[in-house]
Every structure is written in structure tokens, then in C-alpha cells.
Amino acid sequence: MVDFQKLPEFSDHKDFHANLFYLEEHGLISSLAKREHSIGAKRMIFTGIITARGLDFLEDDGGLSAILGAVTIKLDRENIRKLLELKIESLDIPQDKKRGISATIRDLSSDAMRHLCIKLIDLGLDSAPDVYHLLQTWLHRSAGI
């Protein structure tokens, strides 16, 4: 616990308590004693403690929040098949070839589908310069620049 009143070199600064409230609003500290708005009185946090989120913020690796907040994306065979069929449908090839490729994908065993996915990921990674250009273009457009 920190008694902020014992830090006069900091607590006398005009923005000190506003910054403490800001840190508290973001869950980086938890105030143990504070004075909220009252007529004519300044908002103050007298004592506080850093939170787990605050400690994680200070860590270069993001701490446990980086691990616990990880997002795992799982694509099952059916979802992958649908993604591939959508891509095939968008290709500029004859419709009978599209149907043939889609049928072949539907008939793939789990091992064959896994092998195909690995090959497609390898192909995507081999095209990294194009991916970089695509990301730059997409991020530029989404940012409204």
C-alpha cells in the first residue's frame, strides 16, 4: 500500500491526483482511501495499491494477462472446407471444375485435410511480401487515412 500524502514532491503537482484517478479507472491501481467530488473540494486518492493488471502493464511481456487473455482460434474440418469452397467459388474457372474441386475437398480424409492445410499455410507464409503489402493496404483503408 502506498500513502500518497507521504509523497509531497509528487502529490503537490497539479495533475497528480487526476492521474491517480485515471490509473484507477483503467484498473491499474486500486484506491483504498479517497475523497470523491464534493462541493469545493478537490478529488483526491490518499492511499492505493497496484493491481495485478497494473503489474502486468509494467512487465515487458504483458505478465499473466498476456497468457490468460490469449485468444485461441480453432477451425474444424467443416469450417475449413467451407472457407475453401468459398474461395473456389470466387475463382474465375468453369463451374464444372469448381464443382469437381469442391467434391474432392469434401471427400478428403482428416489426415489429407490436415496435410492440405499445412501446405496452404506454407504457401501463405511463402507469399509474406504480398501479405505485408495487403496488410499495409487494409490497415491504411480501415484507419480512414
Foldseek 3Di string as FASTA:
>chain_A
DDFVVVVCVQVVDPCRFVVVVVCVVVQQKDAPDWDDDDVPDDTGGGDIGGDPQNVLVVDPVSPCCCVVVDDDDDDDLVNVLVVVLVVLVPDPDDPVVSVVVSVVSVPDDPVRSVVVVVVVVVVVVVVVVVVVVVVVVVVCVVVVD
